[in-house]
């Protein structure tokens, strides 16, 4: 999702009265987004999953993984919400790295 507006047109600071119900419903739908799809839509444009599974991967812990996800977001100009970045980090950690979460 973009920082200033989510996919349902709801601003990051809240919706106007005409959109509050729509945005509340959108929040419910957003909770059900499949996070691998968010990853695939953004990360695969630069690399495939081999970067996560190679023997010499550079990630050493969850904090380092989270920082790398944020760097990739900045490099791509995707401007994902913090919660989406956290979900992508969790997806990568649960699928490939299995680091202890802080």
C-alpha atoms as a PDB file:
ATOM      1  CA  UNK A   1       0.000   0.000   0.000  1.00  0.00           C
ATOM      2  CA  UNK A   2       1.160   3.536  -0.604  1.00  0.00           C
ATOM      3  CA  UNK A   3       1.917   5.655   2.446  1.00  0.00           C
ATOM      4  CA  UNK A   4      -0.535   8.413   1.588  1.00  0.00           C
ATOM      5  CA  UNK A   5      -3.427   6.304   0.435  1.00  0.00           C
ATOM      6  CA  UNK A   6      -4.352   2.645   0.532  1.00  0.00           C
ATOM      7  CA  UNK A   7      -5.828   0.662  -2.331  1.00  0.00           C
ATOM      8  CA  UNK A   8      -9.352   1.660  -1.277  1.00  0.00           C
ATOM      9  CA  UNK A   9      -8.683   5.401  -1.433  1.00  0.00           C
ATOM     10  CA  UNK A  10      -8.488   5.804   2.343  1.00  0.00           C
ATOM     11  CA  UNK A  11      -5.910   8.336   3.420  1.00  0.00           C
ATOM     12  CA  UNK A  12      -3.307   7.503   6.018  1.00  0.00           C
ATOM     13  CA  UNK A  13      -4.743  10.165   8.328  1.00  0.00           C
ATOM     14  CA  UNK A  14      -8.258   8.795   8.181  1.00  0.00           C
ATOM     15  CA  UNK A  15     -11.185   9.057   5.876  1.00  0.00           C
ATOM     16  CA  UNK A  16     -13.764  11.761   5.452  1.00  0.00           C
ATOM     17  CA  UNK A  17     -17.258  11.075   6.745  1.00  0.00           C
ATOM     18  CA  UNK A  18     -18.451   9.830   3.365  1.00  0.00           C
ATOM     19  CA  UNK A  19     -15.710   7.185   3.271  1.00  0.00           C
ATOM     20  CA  UNK A  20     -15.508   6.010   6.899  1.00  0.00           C
ATOM     21  CA  UNK A  21     -17.669   2.910   6.483  1.00  0.00           C
ATOM     22  CA  UNK A  22     -15.953   2.028   3.224  1.00  0.00           C
ATOM     23  CA  UNK A  23     -12.536   2.456   4.819  1.00  0.00           C
ATOM     24  CA  UNK A  24     -13.516   0.384   7.865  1.00  0.00           C
ATOM     25  CA  UNK A  25     -14.596  -2.415   5.541  1.00  0.00           C
ATOM     26  CA  UNK A  26     -11.394  -1.947   3.550  1.00  0.00           C
ATOM     27  CA  UNK A  27      -9.370  -2.428   6.726  1.00  0.00           C
ATOM     28  CA  UNK A  28     -11.092  -5.760   7.258  1.00  0.00           C
ATOM     29  CA  UNK A  29     -10.318  -6.804   3.682  1.00  0.00           C
ATOM     30  CA  UNK A  30      -6.745  -5.590   3.995  1.00  0.00           C
ATOM     31  CA  UNK A  31      -6.186  -7.966   6.918  1.00  0.00           C
ATOM     32  CA  UNK A  32      -6.889 -10.866   4.544  1.00  0.00           C
ATOM     33  CA  UNK A  33      -4.349  -9.858   1.890  1.00  0.00           C
ATOM     34  CA  UNK A  34      -2.053 -12.709   0.987  1.00  0.00           C
ATOM     35  CA  UNK A  35       1.390 -11.345   1.925  1.00  0.00           C
ATOM     36  CA  UNK A  36       3.273 -13.523  -0.547  1.00  0.00           C
ATOM     37  CA  UNK A  37       1.393 -11.640  -3.262  1.00  0.00           C
ATOM     38  CA  UNK A  38       2.618  -8.320  -1.869  1.00  0.00           C
ATOM     39  CA  UNK A  39       6.152  -9.710  -1.901  1.00  0.00           C
ATOM     40  CA  UNK A  40       5.802 -11.054  -5.435  1.00  0.00           C
ATOM     41  CA  UNK A  41       4.365  -7.789  -6.747  1.00  0.00           C
ATOM     42  CA  UNK A  42       7.344  -5.788  -5.476  1.00  0.00           C
ATOM     43  CA  UNK A  43      10.437  -7.856  -4.719  1.00  0.00           C
ATOM     44  CA  UNK A  44      10.530 -10.219  -7.669  1.00  0.00           C
ATOM     45  CA  UNK A  45      11.079  -7.311 -10.058  1.00  0.00           C
ATOM     46  CA  UNK A  46      14.711  -7.184  -8.828  1.00  0.00           C
ATOM     47  CA  UNK A  47      15.529 -10.765  -7.861  1.00  0.00           C
ATOM     48  CA  UNK A  48      14.112 -14.253  -7.512  1.00  0.00           C
ATOM     49  CA  UNK A  49      13.883 -16.327  -4.337  1.00  0.00           C
ATOM     50  CA  UNK A  50      17.420 -17.599  -4.877  1.00  0.00           C
ATOM     51  CA  UNK A  51      18.705 -14.532  -3.034  1.00  0.00           C
ATOM     52  CA  UNK A  52      17.057 -15.895   0.138  1.00  0.00           C
ATOM     53  CA  UNK A  53      18.202 -19.492  -0.217  1.00  0.00           C
ATOM     54  CA  UNK A  54      21.810 -19.111  -1.308  1.00  0.00           C
ATOM     55  CA  UNK A  55      24.437 -20.380   1.126  1.00  0.00           C
ATOM     56  CA  UNK A  56      26.174 -17.007   1.452  1.00  0.00           C
ATOM     57  CA  UNK A  57      23.087 -14.888   2.207  1.00  0.00           C
ATOM     58  CA  UNK A  58      23.952 -11.808   4.227  1.00  0.00           C
ATOM     59  CA  UNK A  59      21.026 -11.791   6.644  1.00  0.00           C
ATOM     60  CA  UNK A  60      22.089 -12.700  10.176  1.00  0.00           C
ATOM     61  CA  UNK A  61      19.044 -11.793  12.246  1.00  0.00           C
ATOM     62  CA  UNK A  62      15.483 -10.466  12.111  1.00  0.00           C
ATOM     63  CA  UNK A  63      16.531  -6.810  12.568  1.00  0.00           C
ATOM     64  CA  UNK A  64      18.922  -7.047   9.619  1.00  0.00           C
ATOM     65  CA  UNK A  65      16.186  -8.630   7.485  1.00  0.00           C
ATOM     66  CA  UNK A  66      13.722  -5.897   8.414  1.00  0.00           C
ATOM     67  CA  UNK A  67      16.259  -3.192   7.548  1.00  0.00           C
ATOM     68  CA  UNK A  68      16.918  -4.826   4.166  1.00  0.00           C
ATOM     69  CA  UNK A  69      13.200  -5.002   3.344  1.00  0.00           C
ATOM     70  CA  UNK A  70      12.959  -1.271   4.097  1.00  0.00           C
ATOM     71  CA  UNK A  71      16.002  -0.521   1.898  1.00  0.00           C
ATOM     72  CA  UNK A  72      14.442  -2.489  -0.945  1.00  0.00           C
ATOM     73  CA  UNK A  73      11.188  -0.555  -0.516  1.00  0.00           C
ATOM     74  CA  UNK A  74      13.108   2.721  -0.723  1.00  0.00           C
ATOM     75  CA  UNK A  75      15.127   1.574  -3.762  1.00  0.00           C
ATOM     76  CA  UNK A  76      11.977   0.499  -5.600  1.00  0.00           C
ATOM     77  CA  UNK A  77      10.088   3.639  -4.610  1.00  0.00           C
ATOM     78  CA  UNK A  78       7.171   1.404  -3.593  1.00  0.00           C
ATOM     79  CA  UNK A  79       6.445   3.465  -0.440  1.00  0.00           C
ATOM     80  CA  UNK A  80       4.674   0.597   1.347  1.00  0.00           C
ATOM     81  CA  UNK A  81       3.059   1.202   4.721  1.00  0.00           C
ATOM     82  CA  UNK A  82       5.126   0.182   7.762  1.00  0.00           C
ATOM     83  CA  UNK A  83       2.643  -2.594   8.558  1.00  0.00           C
ATOM     84  CA  UNK A  84       3.029  -3.972   5.032  1.00  0.00           C
ATOM     85  CA  UNK A  85       6.812  -3.879   5.309  1.00  0.00           C
ATOM     86  CA  UNK A  86       6.511  -5.764   8.602  1.00  0.00           C
ATOM     87  CA  UNK A  87       4.285  -8.378   6.951  1.00  0.00           C
ATOM     88  CA  UNK A  88       6.731  -8.839   4.071  1.00  0.00           C
ATOM     89  CA  UNK A  89       9.536  -9.216   6.618  1.00  0.00           C
ATOM     90  CA  UNK A  90       7.472 -11.782   8.537  1.00  0.00           C
ATOM     91  CA  UNK A  91       6.700 -13.651   5.320  1.00  0.00           C
ATOM     92  CA  UNK A  92      10.385 -13.830   4.366  1.00  0.00           C
ATOM     93  CA  UNK A  93      11.382 -14.816   7.870  1.00  0.00           C
ATOM     94  CA  UNK A  94       8.714 -17.512   8.186  1.00  0.00           C
ATOM     95  CA  UNK A  95       9.394 -18.890   4.709  1.00  0.00           C
ATOM     96  CA  UNK A  96      13.184 -18.693   4.408  1.00  0.00           C
ATOM     97  CA  UNK A  97      15.133 -17.457   7.415  1.00  0.00           C
ATOM     98  CA  UNK A  98      13.455 -18.559  10.670  1.00  0.00           C
ATOM     99  CA  UNK A  99      15.150 -15.926  12.823  1.00  0.00           C
ATOM    100  CA  UNK A 100      13.918 -15.279  16.364  1.00  0.00           C
ATOM    101  CA  UNK A 101      11.709 -12.177  16.400  1.00  0.00           C
ATOM    102  CA  UNK A 102      12.673  -9.398  18.798  1.00  0.00           C
END
